[in-house]
């Protein structure tokens, strides 16, 4: 099972391969900013991928449009649009 680790002093979480990152974080009791409830529109659920970006699903059209609109750096992903395929290390400003 892939693990999601954090830059901050939070315990890692184990997730099923293919799990939606936002849902996995919420299930682990971590708050995730969102006003669109995971529809991929608001961009508030973005997380910085510190390592393991290759272990997330590819960026889709919806995510690319939101990232371009918000001028989001390429090392960030929308957690609602990313599936965890392997180990990753992430961070976000609101934890």
Protein backbone atom coordinates (compact mmCIF):
# COMPACT_ATOMS: atom_id res chain seq x y z
CA UNK A 1 0.00 0.00 0.00
CA UNK A 2 1.30 3.45 -0.86
CA UNK A 3 2.02 5.91 1.92
CA UNK A 4 1.43 9.64 2.02
CA UNK A 5 4.00 11.41 4.15
CA UNK A 6 4.09 15.02 5.23
CA UNK A 7 6.75 17.71 5.62
CA UNK A 8 5.19 18.76 8.90
CA UNK A 9 5.23 16.59 11.99
CA UNK A 10 2.20 14.49 11.03
CA UNK A 11 2.11 10.69 11.01
CA UNK A 12 2.13 9.15 7.51
CA UNK A 13 -1.04 7.56 6.21
CA UNK A 14 -1.39 4.35 4.24
CA UNK A 15 -3.82 4.40 1.31
CA UNK A 16 -5.09 1.94 -1.25
CA UNK A 17 -3.37 2.23 -4.63
CA UNK A 18 -5.54 4.44 -6.83
CA UNK A 19 -7.12 6.26 -3.87
CA UNK A 20 -8.19 9.85 -4.39
CA UNK A 21 -5.73 12.01 -2.44
CA UNK A 22 -8.31 14.46 -1.09
CA UNK A 23 -10.63 11.69 0.12
CA UNK A 24 -7.71 9.86 1.73
CA UNK A 25 -6.61 12.99 3.60
CA UNK A 26 -10.15 13.67 4.80
CA UNK A 27 -10.60 10.04 5.88
CA UNK A 28 -7.41 10.36 7.94
CA UNK A 29 -8.90 13.35 9.75
CA UNK A 30 -6.81 16.00 8.01
CA UNK A 31 -8.59 19.17 6.93
CA UNK A 32 -8.59 19.92 3.21
CA UNK A 33 -9.54 23.37 1.98
CA UNK A 34 -12.27 23.28 -0.66
CA UNK A 35 -15.29 25.28 -1.68
CA UNK A 36 -16.24 23.07 -4.63
CA UNK A 37 -16.31 19.82 -2.59
CA UNK A 38 -13.79 18.10 -4.82
CA UNK A 39 -15.19 19.02 -8.22
CA UNK A 40 -11.82 20.40 -9.34
CA UNK A 41 -13.00 23.97 -9.77
CA UNK A 42 -11.82 26.10 -6.84
CA UNK A 43 -8.17 25.01 -6.56
CA UNK A 44 -8.14 25.45 -2.79
CA UNK A 45 -7.23 21.81 -2.11
CA UNK A 46 -3.84 22.15 -3.77
CA UNK A 47 -0.89 20.52 -2.08
CA UNK A 48 2.80 20.84 -2.82
CA UNK A 49 4.37 17.56 -3.89
CA UNK A 50 7.82 17.45 -2.34
CA UNK A 51 8.71 14.01 -3.68
CA UNK A 52 7.01 11.18 -5.51
CA UNK A 53 5.19 13.28 -8.12
CA UNK A 54 5.62 10.35 -10.51
CA UNK A 55 3.52 8.29 -8.09
CA UNK A 56 0.42 10.40 -8.63
CA UNK A 57 -1.95 10.11 -11.57
CA UNK A 58 -1.27 12.36 -14.56
CA UNK A 59 -2.60 15.90 -14.56
CA UNK A 60 -5.92 15.96 -16.38
CA UNK A 61 -7.53 18.69 -18.45
CA UNK A 62 -9.67 20.08 -15.61
CA UNK A 63 -6.71 20.30 -13.26
CA UNK A 64 -4.50 21.88 -15.92
CA UNK A 65 -7.12 24.57 -16.60
CA UNK A 66 -7.46 25.40 -12.90
CA UNK A 67 -3.69 25.45 -12.37
CA UNK A 68 -3.25 27.78 -15.34
CA UNK A 69 -6.07 30.08 -14.20
CA UNK A 70 -4.62 30.33 -10.69
CA UNK A 71 -0.99 30.43 -11.91
CA UNK A 72 -0.22 27.50 -9.62
CA UNK A 73 3.41 26.27 -9.64
CA UNK A 74 3.91 22.91 -11.35
CA UNK A 75 5.04 21.20 -8.14
CA UNK A 76 1.49 21.60 -6.77
CA UNK A 77 -1.42 19.27 -7.42
CA UNK A 78 -5.12 19.55 -6.74
CA UNK A 79 -5.69 16.83 -4.17
CA UNK A 80 -9.23 16.25 -5.46
CA UNK A 81 -7.90 15.38 -8.91
CA UNK A 82 -4.90 13.23 -7.94
CA UNK A 83 -4.91 9.48 -7.40
CA UNK A 84 -2.14 8.00 -5.25
CA UNK A 85 -0.30 5.25 -7.12
CA UNK A 86 2.80 5.07 -4.92
CA UNK A 87 4.60 6.81 -2.06
CA UNK A 88 4.47 10.62 -1.97
CA UNK A 89 5.55 13.42 0.36
CA UNK A 90 3.31 16.48 0.41
CA UNK A 91 2.88 19.78 2.21
CA UNK A 92 0.32 22.56 2.31
CA UNK A 93 0.19 25.93 4.02
CA UNK A 94 -2.96 25.28 6.04
CA UNK A 95 -1.80 22.34 8.18
